[in-house]
Amino acid sequence: KVAFVSSSRDHKVATLRVADPATGDVRDLLREEVATQYESGQTA
C-alpha cells in the first residue's frame, strides 16, 4: 500500500488516504479541517 495526504489549496483541509498500487483503489482514513491552516509539523 501507499499512504498519502491530500491538502486543499487554502490548507484548511487535509485528508489521509491509502491506495492499493495494483488496482488504484483509494480509501480515506482521516480528515482534519481547521479554520486557519493545517500544518503537519515545523520541519517535517
ModelCIF file with pLDDT and N, C-alpha, C, O atoms, coordinates in Angstrom:
data_MODEL
#
_entry.id   MODEL 
#
_entity.id                         1 
_entity.type                       polymer 
_entity.pdbx_number_of_molecules   1 
#
_entity_poly.entity_id                      1 
_entity_poly.type                           'polypeptide(L)' 
_entity_poly.nstd_linkage                   no 
_entity_poly.nstd_monomer                   no 
_entity_poly.pdbx_seq_one_letter_code       KVAFVSSSRDHKVATLRVADPATGDVRDLLREEVATQYESGQTA 
_entity_poly.pdbx_seq_one_letter_code_can   KVAFVSSSRDHKVATLRVADPATGDVRDLLREEVATQYESGQTA 
_entity_poly.pdbx_strand_id                 A 
#
loop_
_entity_poly_seq.entity_id 
_entity_poly_seq.num 
_entity_poly_seq.mon_id 
_entity_poly_seq.hetero 
1 1  LYS n 
1 2  VAL n 
1 3  ALA n 
1 4  PHE n 
1 5  VAL n 
1 6  SER n 
1 7  SER n 
1 8  SER n 
1 9  ARG n 
1 10 ASP n 
1 11 HIS n 
1 12 LYS n 
1 13 VAL n 
1 14 ALA n 
1 15 THR n 
1 16 LEU n 
1 17 ARG n 
1 18 VAL n 
1 19 ALA n 
1 20 ASP n 
1 21 PRO n 
1 22 ALA n 
1 23 THR n 
1 24 GLY n 
1 25 ASP n 
1 26 VAL n 
1 27 ARG n 
1 28 ASP n 
1 29 LEU n 
1 30 LEU n 
1 31 ARG n 
1 32 GLU n 
1 33 GLU n 
1 34 VAL n 
1 35 ALA n 
1 36 THR n 
1 37 GLN n 
1 38 TYR n 
1 39 GLU n 
1 40 SER n 
1 41 GLY n 
1 42 GLN n 
1 43 THR n 
1 44 ALA n 
#
_struct_asym.id          A 
_struct_asym.entity_id   1 
#
loop_
_ma_qa_metric.id 
_ma_qa_metric.mode 
_ma_qa_metric.name 
_ma_qa_metric.software_group_id 
_ma_qa_metric.type 
1 global pLDDT . pLDDT 
2 local  pLDDT . pLDDT 
#
_ma_qa_metric_global.metric_id      1 
_ma_qa_metric_global.metric_value   95.57 
_ma_qa_metric_global.model_id       1 
_ma_qa_metric_global.ordinal_id     1 
#
loop_
_ma_qa_metric_local.label_asym_id 
_ma_qa_metric_local.label_comp_id 
_ma_qa_metric_local.label_seq_id 
_ma_qa_metric_local.metric_id 
_ma_qa_metric_local.metric_value 
_ma_qa_metric_local.model_id 
_ma_qa_metric_local.ordinal_id 
A LYS 1  2 97.00 1 1  
A VAL 2  2 98.00 1 2  
A ALA 3  2 98.00 1 3  
A PHE 4  2 98.00 1 4  
A VAL 5  2 98.00 1 5  
A SER 6  2 98.00 1 6  
A SER 7  2 97.00 1 7  
A SER 8  2 96.00 1 8  
A ARG 9  2 94.00 1 9  
A ASP 10 2 94.00 1 10 
A HIS 11 2 96.00 1 11 
A LYS 12 2 97.00 1 12 
A VAL 13 2 97.00 1 13 
A ALA 14 2 97.00 1 14 
A THR 15 2 98.00 1 15 
A LEU 16 2 98.00 1 16 
A ARG 17 2 98.00 1 17 
A VAL 18 2 98.00 1 18 
A ALA 19 2 98.00 1 19 
A ASP 20 2 98.00 1 20 
A PRO 21 2 97.00 1 21 
A ALA 22 2 97.00 1 22 
A THR 23 2 97.00 1 23 
A GLY 24 2 98.00 1 24 
A ASP 25 2 98.00 1 25 
A VAL 26 2 98.00 1 26 
A ARG 27 2 97.00 1 27 
A ASP 28 2 97.00 1 28 
A LEU 29 2 96.00 1 29 
A LEU 30 2 96.00 1 30 
A ARG 31 2 97.00 1 31 
A GLU 32 2 96.00 1 32 
A GLU 33 2 97.00 1 33 
A VAL 34 2 96.00 1 34 
A ALA 35 2 95.00 1 35 
A THR 36 2 94.00 1 36 
A GLN 37 2 94.00 1 37 
A TYR 38 2 96.00 1 38 
A GLU 39 2 94.00 1 39 
A SER 40 2 94.00 1 40 
A GLY 41 2 88.00 1 41 
A GLN 42 2 81.00 1 42 
A THR 43 2 81.00 1 43 
A ALA 44 2 88.00 1 44 
#
loop_
_atom_site.group_PDB 
_atom_site.id 
_atom_site.type_symbol 
_atom_site.label_atom_id 
_atom_site.label_alt_id 
_atom_site.label_comp_id 
_atom_site.label_asym_id 
_atom_site.label_entity_id 
_atom_site.label_seq_id 
_atom_site.pdbx_PDB_ins_code 
_atom_site.Cartn_x 
_atom_site.Cartn_y 
_atom_site.Cartn_z 
_atom_site.occupancy 
_atom_site.B_iso_or_equiv 
_atom_site.pdbx_formal_charge 
_atom_site.auth_seq_id 
_atom_site.auth_comp_id 
_atom_site.auth_asym_id 
_atom_site.auth_atom_id 
_atom_site.pdbx_PDB_model_num 
ATOM 1   N N  . LYS A 1 1  ? 0.854   -1.185 0.000  1.00 97.00 ? 1  LYS A N  1 
ATOM 2   C CA . LYS A 1 1  ? 0.000   0.000  0.000  1.00 97.00 ? 1  LYS A CA 1 
ATOM 3   C C  . LYS A 1 1  ? 0.895   1.242  0.000  1.00 97.00 ? 1  LYS A C  1 
ATOM 4   O O  . LYS A 1 1  ? 2.082   1.175  0.320  1.00 97.00 ? 1  LYS A O  1 
ATOM 5   N N  . VAL A 1 2  ? 0.300   2.355  -0.362 1.00 98.00 ? 2  VAL A N  1 
ATOM 6   C CA . VAL A 1 2  ? 0.988   3.637  -0.254 1.00 98.00 ? 2  VAL A CA 1 
ATOM 7   C C  . VAL A 1 2  ? 0.016   4.636  0.367  1.00 98.00 ? 2  VAL A C  1 
ATOM 8   O O  . VAL A 1 2  ? -1.103  4.813  -0.114 1.00 98.00 ? 2  VAL A O  1 
ATOM 9   N N  . ALA A 1 3  ? 0.461   5.287  1.446  1.00 98.00 ? 3  ALA A N  1 
ATOM 10  C CA . ALA A 1 3  ? -0.350  6.288  2.136  1.00 98.00 ? 3  ALA A CA 1 
ATOM 11  C C  . ALA A 1 3  ? 0.088   7.680  1.703  1.00 98.00 ? 3  ALA A C  1 
ATOM 12  O O  . ALA A 1 3  ? 1.265   7.910  1.424  1.00 98.00 ? 3  ALA A O  1 
ATOM 13  N N  . PHE A 1 4  ? -0.857  8.598  1.648  1.00 98.00 ? 4  PHE A N  1 
ATOM 14  C CA . PHE A 1 4  ? -0.542  9.968  1.263  1.00 98.00 ? 4  PHE A CA 1 
ATOM 15  C C  . PHE A 1 4  ? -1.621  10.892 1.811  1.00 98.00 ? 4  PHE A C  1 
ATOM 16  O O  . PHE A 1 4  ? -2.691  10.446 2.224  1.00 98.00 ? 4  PHE A O  1 
ATOM 17  N N  . VAL A 1 5  ? -1.318  12.197 1.808  1.00 98.00 ? 5  VAL A N  1 
ATOM 18  C CA . VAL A 1 5  ? -2.263  13.194 2.292  1.00 98.00 ? 5  VAL A CA 1 
ATOM 19  C C  . VAL A 1 5  ? -2.620  14.133 1.149  1.00 98.00 ? 5  VAL A C  1 
ATOM 20  O O  . VAL A 1 5  ? -1.744  14.645 0.453  1.00 98.00 ? 5  VAL A O  1 
ATOM 21  N N  . SER A 1 6  ? -3.919  14.351 0.966  1.00 98.00 ? 6  SER A N  1 
ATOM 22  C CA . SER A 1 6  ? -4.410  15.349 0.026  1.00 98.00 ? 6  SER A CA 1 
ATOM 23  C C  . SER A 1 6  ? -4.723  16.623 0.798  1.00 98.00 ? 6  SER A C  1 
ATOM 24  O O  . SER A 1 6  ? -5.447  16.586 1.793  1.00 98.00 ? 6  SER A O  1 
ATOM 25  N N  . SER A 1 7  ? -4.179  17.755 0.345  1.00 97.00 ? 7  SER A N  1 
ATOM 26  C CA . SER A 1 7  ? -4.400  19.040 1.012  1.00 97.00 ? 7  SER A CA 1 
ATOM 27  C C  . SER A 1 7  ? -5.130  19.993 0.082  1.00 97.00 ? 7  SER A C  1 
ATOM 28  O O  . SER A 1 7  ? -4.878  20.019 -1.123 1.00 97.00 ? 7  SER A O  1 
ATOM 29  N N  . SER A 1 8  ? -6.042  20.778 0.655  1.00 96.00 ? 8  SER A N  1 
ATOM 30  C CA . SER A 1 8  ? -6.774  21.758 -0.136 1.00 96.00 ? 8  SER A CA 1 
ATOM 31  C C  . SER A 1 8  ? -5.882  22.948 -0.459 1.00 96.00 ? 8  SER A C  1 
ATOM 32  O O  . SER A 1 8  ? -4.847  23.160 0.174  1.00 96.00 ? 8  SER A O  1 
ATOM 33  N N  . ARG A 1 9  ? -6.302  23.713 -1.450 1.00 94.00 ? 9  ARG A N  1 
ATOM 34  C CA . ARG A 1 9  ? -5.496  24.838 -1.900 1.00 94.00 ? 9  ARG A CA 1 
ATOM 35  C C  . ARG A 1 9  ? -5.261  25.854 -0.787 1.00 94.00 ? 9  ARG A C  1 
ATOM 36  O O  . ARG A 1 9  ? -4.197  26.470 -0.729 1.00 94.00 ? 9  ARG A O  1 
ATOM 37  N N  . ASP A 1 10 ? -6.247  26.038 0.104  1.00 94.00 ? 10 ASP A N  1 
ATOM 38  C CA . ASP A 1 10 ? -6.109  27.009 1.188  1.00 94.00 ? 10 ASP A CA 1 
ATOM 39  C C  . ASP A 1 10 ? -5.540  26.396 2.460  1.00 94.00 ? 10 ASP A C  1 
ATOM 40  O O  . ASP A 1 10 ? -5.469  27.069 3.488  1.00 94.00 ? 10 ASP A O  1 
ATOM 41  N N  . HIS A 1 11 ? -5.134  25.133 2.408  1.00 96.00 ? 11 HIS A N  1 
ATOM 42  C CA . HIS A 1 11 ? -4.523  24.426 3.542  1.00 96.00 ? 11 HIS A CA 1 
ATOM 43  C C  . HIS A 1 11 ? -5.487  24.211 4.714  1.00 96.00 ? 11 HIS A C  1 
ATOM 44  O O  . HIS A 1 11 ? -5.045  23.880 5.814  1.00 96.00 ? 11 HIS A O  1 
ATOM 45  N N  . LYS A 1 12 ? -6.763  24.388 4.503  1.00 97.00 ? 12 LYS A N  1 
ATOM 46  C CA . LYS A 1 12 ? -7.707  24.231 5.606  1.00 97.00 ? 12 LYS A CA 1 
ATOM 47  C C  . LYS A 1 12 ? -8.146  22.778 5.809  1.00 97.00 ? 12 LYS A C  1 
ATOM 48  O O  . LYS A 1 12 ? -8.605  22.415 6.892  1.00 97.00 ? 12 LYS A O  1 
ATOM 49  N N  . VAL A 1 13 ? -8.007  21.952 4.777  1.00 97.00 ? 13 VAL A N  1 
ATOM 50  C CA . VAL A 1 13 ? -8.466  20.565 4.842  1.00 97.00 ? 13 VAL A CA 1 
ATOM 51  C C  . VAL A 1 13 ? -7.334  19.627 4.449  1.00 97.00 ? 13 VAL A C  1 
ATOM 52  O O  . VAL A 1 13 ? -6.696  19.816 3.414  1.00 97.00 ? 13 VAL A O  1 
ATOM 53  N N  . ALA A 1 14 ? -7.087  18.624 5.269  1.00 97.00 ? 14 ALA A N  1 
ATOM 54  C CA . ALA A 1 14 ? -6.087  17.590 4.974  1.00 97.00 ? 14 ALA A CA 1 
ATOM 55  C C  . ALA A 1 14 ? -6.756  16.230 5.131  1.00 97.00 ? 14 ALA A C  1 
ATOM 56  O O  . ALA A 1 14 ? -7.411  15.970 6.140  1.00 97.00 ? 14 ALA A O  1 
ATOM 57  N N  . THR A 1 15 ? -6.593  15.362 4.132  1.00 98.00 ? 15 THR A N  1 
ATOM 58  C CA . THR A 1 15 ? -7.207  14.039 4.153  1.00 98.00 ? 15 THR A CA 1 
ATOM 59  C C  . THR A 1 15 ? -6.136  12.972 3.989  1.00 98.00 ? 15 THR A C  1 
ATOM 60  O O  . THR A 1 15 ? -5.432  12.936 2.979  1.00 98.00 ? 15 THR A O  1 
ATOM 61  N N  . LEU A 1 16 ? -6.018  12.111 4.980  1.00 98.00 ? 16 LEU A N  1 
ATOM 62  C CA . LEU A 1 16 ? -5.078  10.995 4.914  1.00 98.00 ? 16 LEU A CA 1 
ATOM 63  C C  . LEU A 1 16 ? -5.726  9.846  4.168  1.00 98.00 ? 16 LEU A C  1 
ATOM 64  O O  . LEU A 1 16 ? -6.832  9.425  4.507  1.00 98.00 ? 16 LEU A O  1 
ATOM 65  N N  . ARG A 1 17 ? -5.037  9.331  3.144  1.00 98.00 ? 17 ARG A N  1 
ATOM 66  C CA . ARG A 1 17 ? -5.592  8.286  2.284  1.00 98.00 ? 17 ARG A CA 1 
ATOM 67  C C  . ARG A 1 17 ? -4.578  7.157  2.123  1.00 98.00 ? 17 ARG A C  1 
ATOM 68  O O  . ARG A 1 17 ? -3.380  7.339  2.341  1.00 98.00 ? 17 ARG A O  1 
ATOM 69  N N  . VAL A 1 18 ? -5.079  6.002  1.742  1.00 98.00 ? 18 VAL A N  1 
ATOM 70  C CA . VAL A 1 18 ? -4.209  4.869  1.453  1.00 98.00 ? 18 VAL A CA 1 
ATOM 71  C C  . VAL A 1 18 ? -4.675  4.245  0.144  1.00 98.00 ? 18 VAL A C  1 
ATOM 72  O O  . VAL A 1 18 ? -5.872  4.052  -0.067 1.00 98.00 ? 18 VAL A O  1 
ATOM 73  N N  . ALA A 1 19 ? -3.721  3.930  -0.738 1.00 98.00 ? 19 ALA A N  1 
ATOM 74  C CA . ALA A 1 19 ? -4.041  3.417  -2.071 1.00 98.00 ? 19 ALA A CA 1 
ATOM 75  C C  . ALA A 1 19 ? -3.466  2.033  -2.266 1.00 98.00 ? 19 ALA A C  1 
ATOM 76  O O  . ALA A 1 19 ? -2.416  1.696  -1.718 1.00 98.00 ? 19 ALA A O  1 
ATOM 77  N N  . ASP A 1 20 ? -4.171  1.228  -3.058 1.00 98.00 ? 20 ASP A N  1 
ATOM 78  C CA . ASP A 1 20 ? -3.689  -0.075 -3.486 1.00 98.00 ? 20 ASP A CA 1 
ATOM 79  C C  . ASP A 1 20 ? -2.934  0.127  -4.802 1.00 98.00 ? 20 ASP A C  1 
ATOM 80  O O  . ASP A 1 20 ? -3.556  0.488  -5.801 1.00 98.00 ? 20 ASP A O  1 
ATOM 81  N N  . PRO A 1 21 ? -1.633  -0.090 -4.839 1.00 97.00 ? 21 PRO A N  1 
ATOM 82  C CA . PRO A 1 21 ? -0.863  0.195  -6.051 1.00 97.00 ? 21 PRO A CA 1 
ATOM 83  C C  . PRO A 1 21 ? -1.178  -0.739 -7.214 1.00 97.00 ? 21 PRO A C  1 
ATOM 84  O O  . PRO A 1 21 ? -0.860  -0.429 -8.362 1.00 97.00 ? 21 PRO A O  1 
ATOM 85  N N  . ALA A 1 22 ? -1.794  -1.870 -6.928 1.00 97.00 ? 22 ALA A N  1 
ATOM 86  C CA . ALA A 1 22 ? -2.122  -2.813 -8.000 1.00 97.00 ? 22 ALA A CA 1 
ATOM 87  C C  . ALA A 1 22 ? -3.412  -2.443 -8.711 1.00 97.00 ? 22 ALA A C  1 
ATOM 88  O O  . ALA A 1 22 ? -3.525  -2.621 -9.923 1.00 97.00 ? 22 ALA A O  1 
ATOM 89  N N  . THR A 1 23 ? -4.391  -1.927 -7.966 1.00 97.00 ? 23 THR A N  1 
ATOM 90  C CA . THR A 1 23 ? -5.705  -1.632 -8.545 1.00 97.00 ? 23 THR A CA 1 
ATOM 91  C C  . THR A 1 23 ? -6.000  -0.146 -8.672 1.00 97.00 ? 23 THR A C  1 
ATOM 92  O O  . THR A 1 23 ? -6.842  0.247  -9.479 1.00 97.00 ? 23 THR A O  1 
ATOM 93  N N  . GLY A 1 24 ? -5.327  0.678  -7.895 1.00 98.00 ? 24 GLY A N  1 
ATOM 94  C CA . GLY A 1 24 ? -5.615  2.105  -7.889 1.00 98.00 ? 24 GLY A CA 1 
ATOM 95  C C  . GLY A 1 24 ? -6.736  2.493  -6.950 1.00 98.00 ? 24 GLY A C  1 
ATOM 96  O O  . GLY A 1 24 ? -7.103  3.666  -6.884 1.00 98.00 ? 24 GLY A O  1 
ATOM 97  N N  . ASP A 1 25 ? -7.295  1.528  -6.214 1.00 98.00 ? 25 ASP A N  1 
ATOM 98  C CA . ASP A 1 25 ? -8.352  1.836  -5.255 1.00 98.00 ? 25 ASP A CA 1 
ATOM 99  C C  . ASP A 1 25 ? -7.801  2.703  -4.126 1.00 98.00 ? 25 ASP A C  1 
ATOM 100 O O  . ASP A 1 25 ? -6.678  2.503  -3.664 1.00 98.00 ? 25 ASP A O  1 
ATOM 101 N N  . VAL A 1 26 ? -8.611  3.669  -3.688 1.00 98.00 ? 26 VAL A N  1 
ATOM 102 C CA . VAL A 1 26 ? -8.195  4.627  -2.650 1.00 98.00 ? 26 VAL A CA 1 
ATOM 103 C C  . VAL A 1 26 ? -9.223  4.618  -1.523 1.00 98.00 ? 26 VAL A C  1 
ATOM 104 O O  . VAL A 1 26 ? -10.431 4.626  -1.758 1.00 98.00 ? 26 VAL A O  1 
ATOM 105 N N  . ARG A 1 27 ? -8.707  4.602  -0.285 1.00 97.00 ? 27 ARG A N  1 
ATOM 106 C CA . ARG A 1 27 ? -9.577  4.627  0.896  1.00 97.00 ? 27 ARG A CA 1 
ATOM 107 C C  . ARG A 1 27 ? -9.177  5.790  1.785  1.00 97.00 ? 27 ARG A C  1 
ATOM 108 O O  . ARG A 1 27 ? -7.997  5.972  2.083  1.00 97.00 ? 27 ARG A O  1 
ATOM 109 N N  . ASP A 1 28 ? -10.170 6.591  2.215  1.00 97.00 ? 28 ASP A N  1 
ATOM 110 C CA . ASP A 1 28 ? -9.909  7.698  3.130  1.00 97.00 ? 28 ASP A CA 1 
ATOM 111 C C  . ASP A 1 28 ? -9.850  7.185  4.561  1.00 97.00 ? 28 ASP A C  1 
ATOM 112 O O  . ASP A 1 28 ? -10.746 6.473  5.014  1.00 97.00 ? 28 ASP A O  1 
ATOM 113 N N  . LEU A 1 29 ? -8.776  7.557  5.274  1.00 96.00 ? 29 LEU A N  1 
ATOM 114 C CA . LEU A 1 29 ? -8.609  7.128  6.660  1.00 96.00 ? 29 LEU A CA 1 
ATOM 115 C C  . LEU A 1 29 ? -8.995  8.208  7.663  1.00 96.00 ? 29 LEU A C  1 
ATOM 116 O O  . LEU A 1 29 ? -9.654  7.928  8.663  1.00 96.00 ? 29 LEU A O  1 
ATOM 117 N N  . LEU A 1 30 ? -8.578  9.455  7.388  1.00 96.00 ? 30 LEU A N  1 
ATOM 118 C CA . LEU A 1 30 ? -8.708  10.504 8.400  1.00 96.00 ? 30 LEU A CA 1 
ATOM 119 C C  . LEU A 1 30 ? -8.794  11.845 7.691  1.00 96.00 ? 30 LEU A C  1 
ATOM 120 O O  . LEU A 1 30 ? -8.128  12.074 6.681  1.00 96.00 ? 30 LEU A O  1 
ATOM 121 N N  . ARG A 1 31 ? -9.617  12.721 8.231  1.00 97.00 ? 31 ARG A N  1 
ATOM 122 C CA . ARG A 1 31 ? -9.769  14.062 7.666  1.00 97.00 ? 31 ARG A CA 1 
ATOM 123 C C  . ARG A 1 31 ? -9.683  15.085 8.789  1.00 97.00 ? 31 ARG A C  1 
ATOM 124 O O  . ARG A 1 31 ? -10.330 14.937 9.825  1.00 97.00 ? 31 ARG A O  1 
ATOM 125 N N  . GLU A 1 32 ? -8.877  16.127 8.579  1.00 96.00 ? 32 GLU A N  1 
ATOM 126 C CA . GLU A 1 32 ? -8.789  17.218 9.544  1.00 96.00 ? 32 GLU A CA 1 
ATOM 127 C C  . GLU A 1 32 ? -9.101  18.524 8.837  1.00 96.00 ? 32 GLU A C  1 
ATOM 128 O O  . GLU A 1 32 ? -8.513  18.833 7.800  1.00 96.00 ? 32 GLU A O  1 
ATOM 129 N N  . GLU A 1 33 ? -10.023 19.287 9.395  1.00 97.00 ? 33 GLU A N  1 
ATOM 130 C CA . GLU A 1 33 ? -10.412 20.570 8.840  1.00 97.00 ? 33 GLU A CA 1 
ATOM 131 C C  . GLU A 1 33 ? -10.246 21.641 9.912  1.00 97.00 ? 33 GLU A C  1 
ATOM 132 O O  . GLU A 1 33 ? -10.718 21.476 11.037 1.00 97.00 ? 33 GLU A O  1 
ATOM 133 N N  . VAL A 1 34 ? -9.574  22.737 9.564  1.00 96.00 ? 34 VAL A N  1 
ATOM 134 C CA . VAL A 1 34 ? -9.292  23.797 10.531 1.00 96.00 ? 34 VAL A CA 1 
ATOM 135 C C  . VAL A 1 34 ? -9.751  25.131 9.955  1.00 96.00 ? 34 VAL A C  1 
ATOM 136 O O  . VAL A 1 34 ? -9.971  25.265 8.751  1.00 96.00 ? 34 VAL A O  1 
ATOM 137 N N  . ALA A 1 35 ? -9.891  26.108 10.838 1.00 95.00 ? 35 ALA A N  1 
ATOM 138 C CA . ALA A 1 35 ? -10.369 27.424 10.416 1.00 95.00 ? 35 ALA A CA 1 
ATOM 139 C C  . ALA A 1 35 ? -9.274  28.260 9.787  1.00 95.00 ? 35 ALA A C  1 
ATOM 140 O O  . ALA A 1 35 ? -9.564  29.166 9.005  1.00 95.00 ? 35 ALA A O  1 
ATOM 141 N N  . THR A 1 36 ? -8.015  27.975 10.111 1.00 94.00 ? 36 THR A N  1 
ATOM 142 C CA . THR A 1 36 ? -6.900  28.775 9.602  1.00 94.00 ? 36 THR A CA 1 
ATOM 143 C C  . THR A 1 36 ? -6.120  27.990 8.550  1.00 94.00 ? 36 THR A C  1 
ATOM 144 O O  . THR A 1 36 ? -6.485  28.001 7.375  1.00 94.00 ? 36 THR A O  1 
ATOM 145 N N  . GLN A 1 37 ? -5.056  27.312 8.960  1.00 94.00 ? 37 GLN A N  1 
ATOM 146 C CA . GLN A 1 37 ? -4.272  26.467 8.059  1.00 94.00 ? 37 GLN A CA 1 
ATOM 147 C C  . GLN A 1 37 ? -3.819  25.234 8.817  1.00 94.00 ? 37 GLN A C  1 
ATOM 148 O O  . GLN A 1 37 ? -3.401  25.322 9.972  1.00 94.00 ? 37 GLN A O  1 
ATOM 149 N N  . TYR A 1 38 ? -3.903  24.079 8.160  1.00 96.00 ? 38 TYR A N  1 
ATOM 150 C CA . TYR A 1 38 ? -3.387  22.866 8.772  1.00 96.00 ? 38 TYR A CA 1 
ATOM 151 C C  . TYR A 1 38 ? -1.953  22.646 8.318  1.00 96.00 ? 38 TYR A C  1 
ATOM 152 O O  . TYR A 1 38 ? -1.667  22.623 7.121  1.00 96.00 ? 38 TYR A O  1 
ATOM 153 N N  . GLU A 1 39 ? -1.053  22.483 9.284  1.00 94.00 ? 39 GLU A N  1 
ATOM 154 C CA . GLU A 1 39 ? 0.319   22.107 9.012  1.00 94.00 ? 39 GLU A CA 1 
ATOM 155 C C  . GLU A 1 39 ? 0.626   20.861 9.829  1.00 94.00 ? 39 GLU A C  1 
ATOM 156 O O  . GLU A 1 39 ? 0.185   20.742 10.973 1.00 94.00 ? 39 GLU A O  1 
ATOM 157 N N  . SER A 1 40 ? 1.375   19.938 9.254  1.00 94.00 ? 40 SER A N  1 
ATOM 158 C CA . SER A 1 40 ? 1.640   18.676 9.941  1.00 94.00 ? 40 SER A CA 1 
ATOM 159 C C  . SER A 1 40 ? 2.951   18.684 10.701 1.00 94.00 ? 40 SER A C  1 
ATOM 160 O O  . SER A 1 40 ? 3.408   17.633 11.151 1.00 94.00 ? 40 SER A O  1 
ATOM 161 N N  . GLY A 1 41 ? 3.564   19.846 10.854 1.00 88.00 ? 41 GLY A N  1 
ATOM 162 C CA . GLY A 1 41 ? 4.814   19.929 11.594 1.00 88.00 ? 41 GLY A CA 1 
ATOM 163 C C  . GLY A 1 41 ? 5.548   21.191 11.234 1.00 88.00 ? 41 GLY A C  1 
ATOM 164 O O  . GLY A 1 41 ? 5.058   22.009 10.455 1.00 88.00 ? 41 GLY A O  1 
ATOM 165 N N  . GLN A 1 42 ? 6.731   21.350 11.804 1.00 81.00 ? 42 GLN A N  1 
ATOM 166 C CA . GLN A 1 42 ? 7.517   22.548 11.550 1.00 81.00 ? 42 GLN A CA 1 
ATOM 167 C C  . GLN A 1 42 ? 8.663   22.304 10.586 1.00 81.00 ? 42 GLN A C  1 
ATOM 168 O O  . GLN A 1 42 ? 8.964   23.159 9.754  1.00 81.00 ? 42 GLN A O  1 
ATOM 169 N N  . THR A 1 43 ? 9.305   21.153 10.686 1.00 81.00 ? 43 THR A N  1 
ATOM 170 C CA . THR A 1 43 ? 10.432  20.858 9.796  1.00 81.00 ? 43 THR A CA 1 
ATOM 171 C C  . THR A 1 43 ? 10.215  19.579 8.988  1.00 81.00 ? 43 THR A C  1 
ATOM 172 O O  . THR A 1 43 ? 11.028  19.255 8.123  1.00 81.00 ? 43 THR A O  1 
ATOM 173 N N  . ALA A 1 44 ? 9.145   18.857 9.254  1.00 88.00 ? 44 ALA A N  1 
ATOM 174 C CA . ALA A 1 44 ? 8.851   17.625 8.521  1.00 88.00 ? 44 ALA A CA 1 
ATOM 175 C C  . ALA A 1 44 ? 7.389   17.271 8.729  1.00 88.00 ? 44 ALA A C  1 
ATOM 176 O O  . ALA A 1 44 ? 6.916   16.264 8.201  1.00 88.00 ? 44 ALA A O  1 
#
